[in-house]
Every structure is written in structure tokens, then in C-alpha cells.
C-alpha atoms as a PDB file:
ATOM      1  CA  UNK A   1     -76.549 -66.752 -40.785  1.00  0.00           C
ATOM      2  CA  UNK A   2     -79.683 -68.028 -38.583  1.00  0.00           C
ATOM      3  CA  UNK A   3     -76.904 -68.886 -36.234  1.00  0.00           C
ATOM      4  CA  UNK A   4     -75.204 -65.403 -36.457  1.00  0.00           C
ATOM      5  CA  UNK A   5     -78.026 -63.956 -36.104  1.00  0.00           C
ATOM      6  CA  UNK A   6     -78.965 -66.296 -33.110  1.00  0.00           C
ATOM      7  CA  UNK A   7     -76.214 -65.863 -30.970  1.00  0.00           C
ATOM      8  CA  UNK A   8     -76.565 -62.212 -30.133  1.00  0.00           C
ATOM      9  CA  UNK A   9     -80.256 -62.759 -28.807  1.00  0.00           C
ATOM     10  CA  UNK A  10     -79.611 -65.475 -26.678  1.00  0.00           C
ATOM     11  CA  UNK A  11     -77.033 -63.553 -25.223  1.00  0.00           C
ATOM     12  CA  UNK A  12     -78.935 -60.965 -24.577  1.00  0.00           C
ATOM     13  CA  UNK A  13     -81.779 -64.009 -23.173  1.00  0.00           C
ATOM     14  CA  UNK A  14     -79.324 -64.745 -20.820  1.00  0.00           C
ATOM     15  CA  UNK A  15     -78.113 -60.944 -19.706  1.00  0.00           C
ATOM     16  CA  UNK A  16     -82.152 -59.958 -19.039  1.00  0.00           C
ATOM     17  CA  UNK A  17     -82.237 -63.811 -17.492  1.00  0.00           C
ATOM     18  CA  UNK A  18     -79.565 -62.660 -14.716  1.00  0.00           C
ATOM     19  CA  UNK A  19     -81.108 -59.347 -14.116  1.00  0.00           C
ATOM     20  CA  UNK A  20     -84.720 -61.126 -13.308  1.00  0.00           C
ATOM     21  CA  UNK A  21     -82.805 -63.591 -10.844  1.00  0.00           C
ATOM     22  CA  UNK A  22     -80.986 -60.290  -9.143  1.00  0.00           C
ATOM     23  CA  UNK A  23     -84.510 -58.602  -8.765  1.00  0.00           C
ATOM     24  CA  UNK A  24     -85.933 -61.686  -7.576  1.00  0.00           C
ATOM     25  CA  UNK A  25     -85.062 -61.497  -3.707  1.00  0.00           C
ATOM     26  CA  UNK A  26     -86.710 -58.266  -3.885  1.00  0.00           C
ATOM     27  CA  UNK A  27     -89.868 -59.385  -6.016  1.00  0.00           C
ATOM     28  CA  UNK A  28     -90.624 -61.579  -3.345  1.00  0.00           C
ATOM     29  CA  UNK A  29     -90.448 -59.398  -0.484  1.00  0.00           C
ATOM     30  CA  UNK A  30     -92.475 -56.728  -1.984  1.00  0.00           C
ATOM     31  CA  UNK A  31     -95.130 -59.835  -2.737  1.00  0.00           C
ATOM     32  CA  UNK A  32     -94.537 -61.369   0.794  1.00  0.00           C
ATOM     33  CA  UNK A  33     -94.344 -58.273   3.036  1.00  0.00           C
ATOM     34  CA  UNK A  34     -96.883 -55.907   0.742  1.00  0.00           C
ATOM     35  CA  UNK A  35     -99.336 -58.038  -1.317  1.00  0.00           C
ATOM     36  CA  UNK A  36    -100.066 -61.018   0.978  1.00  0.00           C
ATOM     37  CA  UNK A  37    -100.783 -59.186   3.763  1.00  0.00           C
ATOM     38  CA  UNK A  38    -104.047 -57.035   1.526  1.00  0.00           C
ATOM     39  CA  UNK A  39    -105.997 -60.684   1.516  1.00  0.00           C
ATOM     40  CA  UNK A  40    -106.497 -59.737   5.320  1.00  0.00           C
ATOM     41  CA  UNK A  41    -108.324 -56.452   4.427  1.00  0.00           C
ATOM     42  CA  UNK A  42    -111.828 -58.473   5.389  1.00  0.00           C
ATOM     43  CA  UNK A  43    -110.797 -58.008   9.118  1.00  0.00           C
ATOM     44  CA  UNK A  44    -111.707 -54.758   8.972  1.00  0.00           C
ATOM     45  CA  UNK A  45    -115.348 -55.517   7.924  1.00  0.00           C
ATOM     46  CA  UNK A  46    -115.566 -58.352  10.868  1.00  0.00           C
ATOM     47  CA  UNK A  47    -116.443 -58.529  15.096  1.00  0.00           C
ATOM     48  CA  UNK A  48    -113.694 -60.491  16.036  1.00  0.00           C
ATOM     49  CA  UNK A  49    -114.693 -63.316  17.976  1.00  0.00           C
ATOM     50  CA  UNK A  50    -111.877 -65.816  18.646  1.00  0.00           C
ATOM     51  CA  UNK A  51    -113.988 -68.508  19.738  1.00  0.00           C
ATOM     52  CA  UNK A  52    -115.519 -68.777  16.364  1.00  0.00           C
ATOM     53  CA  UNK A  53    -112.019 -67.877  14.845  1.00  0.00           C
ATOM     54  CA  UNK A  54    -111.126 -65.193  12.114  1.00  0.00           C
ATOM     55  CA  UNK A  55    -113.309 -66.511   9.652  1.00  0.00           C
ATOM     56  CA  UNK A  56    -116.063 -67.813  11.065  1.00  0.00           C
ATOM     57  CA  UNK A  57    -116.686 -64.565  13.020  1.00  0.00           C
ATOM     58  CA  UNK A  58    -119.734 -62.089  12.442  1.00  0.00           C
ATOM     59  CA  UNK A  59    -119.354 -59.015  10.336  1.00  0.00           C
ATOM     60  CA  UNK A  60    -120.212 -55.783  11.217  1.00  0.00           C
ATOM     61  CA  UNK A  61    -120.258 -53.546   8.406  1.00  0.00           C
ATOM     62  CA  UNK A  62    -118.100 -50.255   8.967  1.00  0.00           C
ATOM     63  CA  UNK A  63    -118.412 -50.206  12.878  1.00  0.00           C
ATOM     64  CA  UNK A  64    -114.547 -50.557  13.380  1.00  0.00           C
ATOM     65  CA  UNK A  65    -114.055 -47.284  11.553  1.00  0.00           C
ATOM     66  CA  UNK A  66    -116.410 -45.816  13.481  1.00  0.00           C
ATOM     67  CA  UNK A  67    -113.740 -45.051  16.949  1.00  0.00           C
ATOM     68  CA  UNK A  68    -111.613 -43.088  14.516  1.00  0.00           C
ATOM     69  CA  UNK A  69    -114.606 -40.691  13.918  1.00  0.00           C
ATOM     70  CA  UNK A  70    -116.439 -40.693  16.693  1.00  0.00           C
ATOM     71  CA  UNK A  71    -113.833 -40.088  19.409  1.00  0.00           C
ATOM     72  CA  UNK A  72    -113.150 -36.776  20.801  1.00  0.00           C
ATOM     73  CA  UNK A  73    -109.685 -37.491  19.665  1.00  0.00           C
ATOM     74  CA  UNK A  74    -110.463 -37.533  16.387  1.00  0.00           C
ATOM     75  CA  UNK A  75    -109.561 -34.494  15.017  1.00  0.00           C
ATOM     76  CA  UNK A  76    -106.379 -33.768  17.319  1.00  0.00           C
ATOM     77  CA  UNK A  77    -104.910 -37.149  15.660  1.00  0.00           C
ATOM     78  CA  UNK A  78    -106.033 -36.059  12.380  1.00  0.00           C
ATOM     79  CA  UNK A  79    -104.518 -33.089  12.431  1.00  0.00           C
ATOM     80  CA  UNK A  80    -101.424 -33.869  14.151  1.00  0.00           C
ATOM     81  CA  UNK A  81    -100.748 -36.439  11.642  1.00  0.00           C
ATOM     82  CA  UNK A  82    -101.231 -34.657   8.493  1.00  0.00           C
ATOM     83  CA  UNK A  83     -99.537 -31.660   9.911  1.00  0.00           C
ATOM     84  CA  UNK A  84     -96.831 -33.259  11.378  1.00  0.00           C
ATOM     85  CA  UNK A  85     -95.991 -35.170   7.604  1.00  0.00           C
ATOM     86  CA  UNK A  86     -96.292 -31.985   5.306  1.00  0.00           C
ATOM     87  CA  UNK A  87     -93.829 -30.320   7.498  1.00  0.00           C
ATOM     88  CA  UNK A  88     -91.608 -33.518   7.482  1.00  0.00           C
ATOM     89  CA  UNK A  89     -91.502 -33.238   3.508  1.00  0.00           C
ATOM     90  CA  UNK A  90     -91.345 -29.624   3.243  1.00  0.00           C
ATOM     91  CA  UNK A  91     -88.472 -29.714   5.815  1.00  0.00           C
ATOM     92  CA  UNK A  92     -86.554 -32.944   4.413  1.00  0.00           C
ATOM     93  CA  UNK A  93     -86.987 -31.913   1.172  1.00  0.00           C
ATOM     94  CA  UNK A  94     -85.550 -28.672   1.361  1.00  0.00           C
ATOM     95  CA  UNK A  95     -82.543 -30.249   3.903  1.00  0.00           C
ATOM     96  CA  UNK A  96     -82.139 -32.661   1.536  1.00  0.00           C
ATOM     97  CA  UNK A  97     -81.365 -30.676  -1.594  1.00  0.00           C
ATOM     98  CA  UNK A  98     -79.795 -28.322   0.033  1.00  0.00           C
ATOM     99  CA  UNK A  99     -76.648 -31.004   2.045  1.00  0.00           C
ATOM    100  CA  UNK A 100     -76.888 -32.979  -1.481  1.00  0.00           C
ATOM    101  CA  UNK A 101     -75.638 -29.814  -3.138  1.00  0.00           C
ATOM    102  CA  UNK A 102     -72.888 -29.207  -0.284  1.00  0.00           C
ATOM    103  CA  UNK A 103     -71.717 -32.471  -0.864  1.00  0.00           C
ATOM    104  CA  UNK A 104     -71.078 -32.350  -4.647  1.00  0.00           C
ATOM    105  CA  UNK A 105     -69.194 -28.950  -4.168  1.00  0.00           C
ATOM    106  CA  UNK A 106     -66.684 -31.185  -2.665  1.00  0.00           C
ATOM    107  CA  UNK A 107     -63.490 -31.707  -4.827  1.00  0.00           C
ATOM    108  CA  UNK A 108     -61.629 -34.125  -1.946  1.00  0.00           C
ATOM    109  CA  UNK A 109     -63.572 -37.476  -2.509  1.00  0.00           C
ATOM    110  CA  UNK A 110     -62.695 -38.595   0.609  1.00  0.00           C
ATOM    111  CA  UNK A 111     -63.753 -35.865   2.422  1.00  0.00           C
ATOM    112  CA  UNK A 112     -67.337 -36.541   0.762  1.00  0.00           C
ATOM    113  CA  UNK A 113     -67.593 -39.800   2.175  1.00  0.00           C
ATOM    114  CA  UNK A 114     -66.546 -39.297   5.307  1.00  0.00           C
ATOM    115  CA  UNK A 115     -69.113 -36.657   5.437  1.00  0.00           C
ATOM    116  CA  UNK A 116     -71.388 -39.085   3.703  1.00  0.00           C
ATOM    117  CA  UNK A 117     -71.469 -41.304   6.550  1.00  0.00           C
ATOM    118  CA  UNK A 118     -71.734 -39.274   9.333  1.00  0.00           C
ATOM    119  CA  UNK A 119     -75.195 -38.035   8.048  1.00  0.00           C
ATOM    120  CA  UNK A 120     -76.467 -41.579   7.031  1.00  0.00           C
ATOM    121  CA  UNK A 121     -75.390 -43.122  10.503  1.00  0.00           C
ATOM    122  CA  UNK A 122     -78.591 -41.500  12.246  1.00  0.00           C
ATOM    123  CA  UNK A 123     -80.600 -44.051   9.887  1.00  0.00           C
ATOM    124  CA  UNK A 124     -79.035 -46.700  10.820  1.00  0.00           C
ATOM    125  CA  UNK A 125     -79.927 -46.320  14.374  1.00  0.00           C
ATOM    126  CA  UNK A 126     -82.969 -47.446  16.011  1.00  0.00           C
ATOM    127  CA  UNK A 127     -85.936 -45.290  17.371  1.00  0.00           C
ATOM    128  CA  UNK A 128     -85.530 -46.386  20.827  1.00  0.00           C
ATOM    129  CA  UNK A 129     -81.794 -45.364  20.703  1.00  0.00           C
ATOM    130  CA  UNK A 130     -82.605 -41.974  19.873  1.00  0.00           C
ATOM    131  CA  UNK A 131     -84.954 -41.811  22.750  1.00  0.00           C
ATOM    132  CA  UNK A 132     -82.951 -42.619  25.067  1.00  0.00           C
ATOM    133  CA  UNK A 133     -80.076 -40.036  23.297  1.00  0.00           C
ATOM    134  CA  UNK A 134     -82.890 -37.090  23.702  1.00  0.00           C
ATOM    135  CA  UNK A 135     -83.749 -38.375  27.270  1.00  0.00           C
ATOM    136  CA  UNK A 136     -79.778 -37.669  27.436  1.00  0.00           C
ATOM    137  CA  UNK A 137     -79.771 -34.368  26.446  1.00  0.00           C
ATOM    138  CA  UNK A 138     -83.895 -33.241  27.489  1.00  0.00           C
ATOM    139  CA  UNK A 139     -84.811 -35.082  30.954  1.00  0.00           C
ATOM    140  CA  UNK A 140     -85.505 -32.410  34.064  1.00  0.00           C
ATOM    141  CA  UNK A 141     -82.590 -34.646  35.994  1.00  0.00           C
ATOM    142  CA  UNK A 142     -79.558 -35.697  34.225  1.00  0.00           C
ATOM    143  CA  UNK A 143     -80.213 -33.771  30.959  1.00  0.00           C
ATOM    144  CA  UNK A 144     -77.521 -32.171  29.403  1.00  0.00           C
ATOM    145  CA  UNK A 145     -79.288 -29.077  28.861  1.00  0.00           C
ATOM    146  CA  UNK A 146     -80.851 -28.466  31.884  1.00  0.00           C
ATOM    147  CA  UNK A 147     -77.788 -29.252  34.151  1.00  0.00           C
ATOM    148  CA  UNK A 148     -74.989 -27.573  31.434  1.00  0.00           C
ATOM    149  CA  UNK A 149     -76.473 -24.908  29.328  1.00  0.00           C
ATOM    150  CA  UNK A 150     -79.266 -23.998  31.605  1.00  0.00           C
ATOM    151  CA  UNK A 151     -79.135 -22.350  35.334  1.00  0.00           C
ATOM    152  CA  UNK A 152     -81.499 -24.311  38.180  1.00  0.00           C
ATOM    153  CA  UNK A 153     -83.490 -21.234  37.853  1.00  0.00           C
ATOM    154  CA  UNK A 154     -84.512 -21.391  34.433  1.00  0.00           C
ATOM    155  CA  UNK A 155     -84.821 -26.210  33.729  1.00  0.00           C
ATOM    156  CA  UNK A 156     -87.380 -27.156  31.626  1.00  0.00           C
ATOM    157  CA  UNK A 157     -89.864 -29.754  32.054  1.00  0.00           C
ATOM    158  CA  UNK A 158     -89.409 -31.281  28.424  1.00  0.00           C
ATOM    159  CA  UNK A 159     -91.297 -34.570  29.418  1.00  0.00           C
ATOM    160  CA  UNK A 160     -94.200 -32.269  30.821  1.00  0.00           C
ATOM    161  CA  UNK A 161     -94.711 -29.071  28.728  1.00  0.00           C
ATOM    162  CA  UNK A 162     -96.019 -29.425  24.849  1.00  0.00           C
ATOM    163  CA  UNK A 163     -95.316 -26.406  23.414  1.00  0.00           C
ATOM    164  CA  UNK A 164     -91.728 -27.536  22.948  1.00  0.00           C
ATOM    165  CA  UNK A 165     -92.123 -31.258  21.015  1.00  0.00           C
ATOM    166  CA  UNK A 166     -93.279 -30.050  17.622  1.00  0.00           C
ATOM    167  CA  UNK A 167     -89.680 -28.273  17.661  1.00  0.00           C
ATOM    168  CA  UNK A 168     -88.168 -31.425  18.418  1.00  0.00           C
ATOM    169  CA  UNK A 169     -90.259 -33.791  16.726  1.00  0.00           C
ATOM    170  CA  UNK A 170     -89.388 -32.018  13.202  1.00  0.00           C
ATOM    171  CA  UNK A 171     -85.733 -31.631  13.966  1.00  0.00           C
ATOM    172  CA  UNK A 172     -85.143 -35.446  15.018  1.00  0.00           C
ATOM    173  CA  UNK A 173     -87.146 -37.072  11.777  1.00  0.00           C
ATOM    174  CA  UNK A 174     -84.812 -34.198   9.839  1.00  0.00           C
ATOM    175  CA  UNK A 175     -81.619 -35.213  11.670  1.00  0.00           C
ATOM    176  CA  UNK A 176     -82.389 -39.269  11.201  1.00  0.00           C
ATOM    177  CA  UNK A 177     -83.857 -38.967   6.950  1.00  0.00           C
ATOM    178  CA  UNK A 178     -81.231 -36.333   5.964  1.00  0.00           C
ATOM    179  CA  UNK A 179     -78.405 -38.673   4.999  1.00  0.00           C
ATOM    180  CA  UNK A 180     -80.626 -41.005   3.161  1.00  0.00           C
ATOM    181  CA  UNK A 181     -82.606 -37.948   1.507  1.00  0.00           C
ATOM    182  CA  UNK A 182     -79.319 -36.203   0.825  1.00  0.00           C
ATOM    183  CA  UNK A 183     -77.225 -39.143  -0.917  1.00  0.00           C
ATOM    184  CA  UNK A 184     -80.685 -39.533  -3.291  1.00  0.00           C
ATOM    185  CA  UNK A 185     -80.332 -35.637  -4.492  1.00  0.00           C
ATOM    186  CA  UNK A 186     -76.637 -36.083  -4.607  1.00  0.00           C
ATOM    187  CA  UNK A 187     -76.626 -39.183  -7.088  1.00  0.00           C
ATOM    188  CA  UNK A 188     -79.124 -37.319  -8.536  1.00  0.00           C
ATOM    189  CA  UNK A 189     -76.749 -34.213  -8.828  1.00  0.00           C
ATOM    190  CA  UNK A 190     -73.890 -36.770 -10.168  1.00  0.00           C
ATOM    191  CA  UNK A 191     -75.812 -37.382 -13.336  1.00  0.00           C
ATOM    192  CA  UNK A 192     -76.034 -33.845 -14.458  1.00  0.00           C
ATOM    193  CA  UNK A 193     -74.373 -33.472 -17.410  1.00  0.00           C
ATOM    194  CA  UNK A 194     -70.829 -31.546 -17.274  1.00  0.00           C
ATOM    195  CA  UNK A 195     -71.200 -29.938 -20.308  1.00  0.00           C
ATOM    196  CA  UNK A 196     -74.223 -27.621 -18.948  1.00  0.00           C
ATOM    197  CA  UNK A 197     -71.896 -26.025 -15.979  1.00  0.00           C
ATOM    198  CA  UNK A 198     -69.323 -25.301 -17.993  1.00  0.00           C
ATOM    199  CA  UNK A 199     -71.179 -23.425 -20.728  1.00  0.00           C
ATOM    200  CA  UNK A 200     -72.796 -21.524 -17.443  1.00  0.00           C
ATOM    201  CA  UNK A 201     -69.393 -21.112 -16.382  1.00  0.00           C
ATOM    202  CA  UNK A 202     -67.616 -19.588 -19.824  1.00  0.00           C
ATOM    203  CA  UNK A 203     -71.642 -17.130 -19.894  1.00  0.00           C
ATOM    204  CA  UNK A 204     -70.119 -15.455 -16.396  1.00  0.00           C
ATOM    205  CA  UNK A 205     -72.459 -17.356 -14.406  1.00  0.00           C
ATOM    206  CA  UNK A 206     -70.780 -17.925 -10.566  1.00  0.00           C
ATOM    207  CA  UNK A 207     -72.069 -20.893  -8.569  1.00  0.00           C
ATOM    208  CA  UNK A 208     -75.178 -19.478  -7.230  1.00  0.00           C
ATOM    209  CA  UNK A 209     -75.969 -18.906 -10.491  1.00  0.00           C
ATOM    210  CA  UNK A 210     -75.356 -22.318 -11.563  1.00  0.00           C
ATOM    211  CA  UNK A 211     -77.072 -24.105  -8.810  1.00  0.00           C
ATOM    212  CA  UNK A 212     -80.296 -21.874  -8.965  1.00  0.00           C
ATOM    213  CA  UNK A 213     -80.421 -22.219 -12.638  1.00  0.00           C
ATOM    214  CA  UNK A 214     -79.173 -25.869 -13.073  1.00  0.00           C
ATOM    215  CA  UNK A 215     -78.990 -28.010 -10.569  1.00  0.00           C
ATOM    216  CA  UNK A 216     -82.329 -27.541  -8.451  1.00  0.00           C
ATOM    217  CA  UNK A 217     -84.523 -27.346 -12.010  1.00  0.00           C
ATOM    218  CA  UNK A 218     -82.609 -30.839 -12.970  1.00  0.00           C
ATOM    219  CA  UNK A 219     -83.502 -31.788  -9.872  1.00  0.00           C
ATOM    220  CA  UNK A 220     -87.275 -31.628 -10.318  1.00  0.00           C
ATOM    221  CA  UNK A 221     -87.945 -34.773 -11.178  1.00  0.00           C
ATOM    222  CA  UNK A 222     -86.482 -36.144  -7.887  1.00  0.00           C
ATOM    223  CA  UNK A 223     -88.278 -33.952  -6.082  1.00  0.00           C
ATOM    224  CA  UNK A 224     -91.783 -34.070  -7.266  1.00  0.00           C
ATOM    225  CA  UNK A 225     -91.392 -37.729  -7.079  1.00  0.00           C
ATOM    226  CA  UNK A 226     -90.005 -37.939  -3.488  1.00  0.00           C
ATOM    227  CA  UNK A 227     -92.826 -35.493  -2.800  1.00  0.00           C
ATOM    228  CA  UNK A 228     -95.682 -37.726  -4.399  1.00  0.00           C
ATOM    229  CA  UNK A 229     -94.672 -40.613  -2.492  1.00  0.00           C
ATOM    230  CA  UNK A 230     -94.318 -38.682   0.538  1.00  0.00           C
ATOM    231  CA  UNK A 231     -97.800 -37.713  -0.014  1.00  0.00           C
ATOM    232  CA  UNK A 232     -98.811 -41.305  -0.205  1.00  0.00           C
ATOM    233  CA  UNK A 233     -98.317 -41.993   3.220  1.00  0.00           C
ATOM    234  CA  UNK A 234     -99.451 -38.610   4.759  1.00  0.00           C
ATOM    235  CA  UNK A 235    -102.056 -40.434   6.776  1.00  0.00           C
ATOM    236  CA  UNK A 236     -99.023 -42.433   8.307  1.00  0.00           C
ATOM    237  CA  UNK A 237     -96.400 -41.483  10.970  1.00  0.00           C
ATOM    238  CA  UNK A 238     -93.515 -42.867  12.177  1.00  0.00           C
ATOM    239  CA  UNK A 239     -95.009 -45.339  15.139  1.00  0.00           C
ATOM    240  CA  UNK A 240     -90.847 -44.774  16.774  1.00  0.00           C
ATOM    241  CA  UNK A 241     -91.120 -40.849  16.464  1.00  0.00           C
ATOM    242  CA  UNK A 242     -94.317 -40.021  18.208  1.00  0.00           C
ATOM    243  CA  UNK A 243     -93.986 -43.179  20.590  1.00  0.00           C
ATOM    244  CA  UNK A 244     -90.613 -43.711  21.779  1.00  0.00           C
ATOM    245  CA  UNK A 245     -88.882 -40.412  21.529  1.00  0.00           C
ATOM    246  CA  UNK A 246     -91.665 -38.567  23.806  1.00  0.00           C
ATOM    247  CA  UNK A 247     -91.177 -41.517  26.310  1.00  0.00           C
ATOM    248  CA  UNK A 248     -95.154 -42.031  25.844  1.00  0.00           C
ATOM    249  CA  UNK A 249     -95.492 -39.123  28.442  1.00  0.00           C
ATOM    250  CA  UNK A 250     -99.554 -38.449  28.718  1.00  0.00           C
ATOM    251  CA  UNK A 251     -98.788 -34.672  29.331  1.00  0.00           C
ATOM    252  CA  UNK A 252     -97.338 -34.638  25.362  1.00  0.00           C
ATOM    253  CA  UNK A 253    -100.509 -36.389  23.671  1.00  0.00           C
ATOM    254  CA  UNK A 254    -102.362 -32.790  22.694  1.00  0.00           C
ATOM    255  CA  UNK A 255     -98.620 -32.702  19.907  1.00  0.00           C
ATOM    256  CA  UNK A 256     -97.488 -36.567  19.922  1.00  0.00           C
ATOM    257  CA  UNK A 257    -100.853 -38.211  19.150  1.00  0.00           C
ATOM    258  CA  UNK A 258    -101.249 -39.542  15.819  1.00  0.00           C
ATOM    259  CA  UNK A 259    -103.244 -41.809  14.354  1.00  0.00           C
ATOM    260  CA  UNK A 260    -101.125 -44.703  14.094  1.00  0.00           C
ATOM    261  CA  UNK A 261    -100.183 -44.348  18.357  1.00  0.00           C
ATOM    262  CA  UNK A 262    -104.057 -43.789  19.074  1.00  0.00           C
ATOM    263  CA  UNK A 263    -104.652 -47.542  17.058  1.00  0.00           C
ATOM    264  CA  UNK A 264    -101.756 -48.871  19.569  1.00  0.00           C
ATOM    265  CA  UNK A 265    -102.709 -47.243  22.881  1.00  0.00           C
ATOM    266  CA  UNK A 266    -106.498 -48.174  21.854  1.00  0.00           C
ATOM    267  CA  UNK A 267    -105.137 -52.020  21.290  1.00  0.00           C
ATOM    268  CA  UNK A 268    -103.333 -52.675  24.691  1.00  0.00           C
ATOM    269  CA  UNK A 269    -107.330 -51.414  26.455  1.00  0.00           C
ATOM    270  CA  UNK A 270    -109.598 -53.097  24.176  1.00  0.00           C
ATOM    271  CA  UNK A 271    -107.292 -55.488  22.439  1.00  0.00           C
ATOM    272  CA  UNK A 272    -109.350 -55.575  18.922  1.00  0.00           C
ATOM    273  CA  UNK A 273    -107.835 -56.339  15.896  1.00  0.00           C
ATOM    274  CA  UNK A 274    -110.431 -55.078  13.700  1.00  0.00           C
ATOM    275  CA  UNK A 275    -109.885 -51.596  14.511  1.00  0.00           C
ATOM    276  CA  UNK A 276    -106.158 -51.871  13.998  1.00  0.00           C
ATOM    277  CA  UNK A 277    -106.780 -53.398  10.698  1.00  0.00           C
ATOM    278  CA  UNK A 278    -109.699 -51.092   9.872  1.00  0.00           C
ATOM    279  CA  UNK A 279    -107.226 -48.089  10.434  1.00  0.00           C
ATOM    280  CA  UNK A 280    -104.837 -49.740   8.256  1.00  0.00           C
ATOM    281  CA  UNK A 281    -107.268 -49.343   5.613  1.00  0.00           C
ATOM    282  CA  UNK A 282    -108.301 -46.085   6.186  1.00  0.00           C
ATOM    283  CA  UNK A 283    -104.804 -44.583   5.832  1.00  0.00           C
ATOM    284  CA  UNK A 284    -104.589 -46.734   2.540  1.00  0.00           C
ATOM    285  CA  UNK A 285    -107.492 -45.692   0.836  1.00  0.00           C
ATOM    286  CA  UNK A 286    -106.765 -42.344   1.678  1.00  0.00           C
ATOM    287  CA  UNK A 287    -102.908 -42.291   1.024  1.00  0.00           C
ATOM    288  CA  UNK A 288    -104.286 -43.918  -2.207  1.00  0.00           C
ATOM    289  CA  UNK A 289    -106.425 -41.249  -3.227  1.00  0.00           C
ATOM    290  CA  UNK A 290    -103.966 -38.302  -2.407  1.00  0.00           C
ATOM    291  CA  UNK A 291    -101.562 -40.102  -4.691  1.00  0.00           C
ATOM    292  CA  UNK A 292    -103.649 -40.563  -7.339  1.00  0.00           C
ATOM    293  CA  UNK A 293    -104.772 -36.806  -7.132  1.00  0.00           C
ATOM    294  CA  UNK A 294    -101.244 -35.582  -6.434  1.00  0.00           C
ATOM    295  CA  UNK A 295    -100.170 -36.976  -9.961  1.00  0.00           C
ATOM    296  CA  UNK A 296    -103.300 -35.763 -11.493  1.00  0.00           C
ATOM    297  CA  UNK A 297    -101.955 -32.184 -10.828  1.00  0.00           C
ATOM    298  CA  UNK A 298     -98.430 -32.395 -11.474  1.00  0.00           C
ATOM    299  CA  UNK A 299     -99.498 -33.998 -14.655  1.00  0.00           C
ATOM    300  CA  UNK A 300    -101.365 -31.302 -15.580  1.00  0.00           C
ATOM    301  CA  UNK A 301     -98.827 -28.825 -14.780  1.00  0.00           C
ATOM    302  CA  UNK A 302     -95.872 -30.370 -15.861  1.00  0.00           C
ATOM    303  CA  UNK A 303     -96.803 -33.700 -17.582  1.00  0.00           C
ATOM    304  CA  UNK A 304     -92.788 -34.954 -17.561  1.00  0.00           C
ATOM    305  CA  UNK A 305     -92.582 -35.063 -14.366  1.00  0.00           C
ATOM    306  CA  UNK A 306     -95.548 -37.240 -12.925  1.00  0.00           C
ATOM    307  CA  UNK A 307     -94.899 -40.916 -11.930  1.00  0.00           C
ATOM    308  CA  UNK A 308     -97.389 -42.167 -14.266  1.00  0.00           C
END
């Protein structure tokens, strides 16, 4: 009798061991890439002197944080970083939900796979390549828009006029991330019980009514999770999007300069790694606080959809 009881337990143990081994590479990557670098946080509070070494350099308190707040560009870089990320969250999630629903409405599996692959391709393209694709469209001399769609009298200097770039940056970000977001929402839609749709159909609900009353409410946990994770990185910006795509044009700094690009340019001029570490620490602390506050708000309004 004891052998009969032990055998299933051993099988379960071996099954869990196999799952643990499968997760081990991802856990190691997470530990090496995300947790070990946290030990270097002390660099943000050091005045680095390479003759003394990183550990032997003098402590300087919060002086490395001052350049982020005392510069005349502090308001501009903070405004750009926060407002762009808020726009990316709202537009990106809305577009992802819409495309995910459209893909779920396709009856042909082959057509669905073709569309999924096509939409996902931009996610796999480097921002350097995207920047040159954008240049092929926006260049004043050889760009497709100025040479094919507009006349020579109406030519636009896209890399010299800042007013166009908020729209260009939002479009590029949504275009590149649309495939990833839509697949996440599509996988959630596929997991919805089909009996709910059948019952709604019997009650006379059309496709639009089914989407608004069943699909979107059932996607609320996924939408909340993605929104909370994105809010945690609201003080970070995609370096390739804001640096590579505008070709580092100085005329566009008022709408393309963010915390990350500002720190990068400061490093090129001053070669001070402590400033970069201070900026990263500041962004991480603010992101952590925002996640906690956002999750507390969600937990207060709808406890079931909170992350923790």
C-alpha cells in the first residue's frame, strides 16, 4: 500500500523537476541581467576617479542626481518622457485590443497565421533599420513623401521641423509593437469560453454586442496587467525610437529629447558613468513607486484585477 502511495508522489516530483529545469535558463537570465547589476547602485553616489578605482572613489552624496534637475532641459525631458509613454500605453493597448479582436474573427487559420506573421515582423526589425526606412520616406532630397506625394513647392523638411514628430514617433512605436500586443490579446480571446458567445447569440446579440459585452470585459485582467507593467517604465524611453529614428537631429530636441537620450548625450560630453547610474536609479525608484500606487488604486477599485 505504501509503494502505491509513493509512486504517484515520485512521478509528481519528477514532473515538477522537469518543469524547474525548463525554467532554469530564464531564471538564470533574469538573475544575471536584472539582479546582479543592482549591486552597482552605489556608483550613483560616487565621484568616479579611475586612478582610485570605482570602490576607492570618494562618496559624493546626491550630487550625481543634480544634473537631471538643475539643467534648463529638466522640464522638457521629463515632460517628453512621461507624455509619450502615456500616449504609447493608451494608443498601444487600444490598437492591440482592436487588432487582436479582428484576428480572432478570422475563420481561416491560414489567413490568421499570415496576418499574425506580417504584423509581428516589425517587432523583429532593429531600430537602426527602422530609422533608415523612415529616412527613405521622410528625407527632403530623396524621400518618397516629398518626391512622390508632394510637389516641390510643398516639400516638407521633416528633420528640421519639430511639429510633425510627436505623430511620427507615436505611429512608429505603435507600428513596431502592434504585433506583440495583438498576439497577447488574441491568446486571451482564444481562451474565452465559447459557450458565452453561443448563449449571447441565442439571446439575439450580434457580433458587436458580443465584443462589447463579452470580449472586452473578459480582457480587462490582461489590459490591467499590461497597463501596470507599462506604468512601471513610464520614466524610461525607447532609446532607438527617440535617438535613431530622428537621426539625432538637433532641431528636433524639443520633442525628441527624453531622459535616456539626454543622459546618453551627457555621457558623450562628460564621460561620467556615475551620472548614468544616478539616472537609472532615479528611473527605477520612480517606476517602483508608480507601480505600487497604480496597483493599490486598481486593488481598491477591482481587487481581482490587481497584480498583487
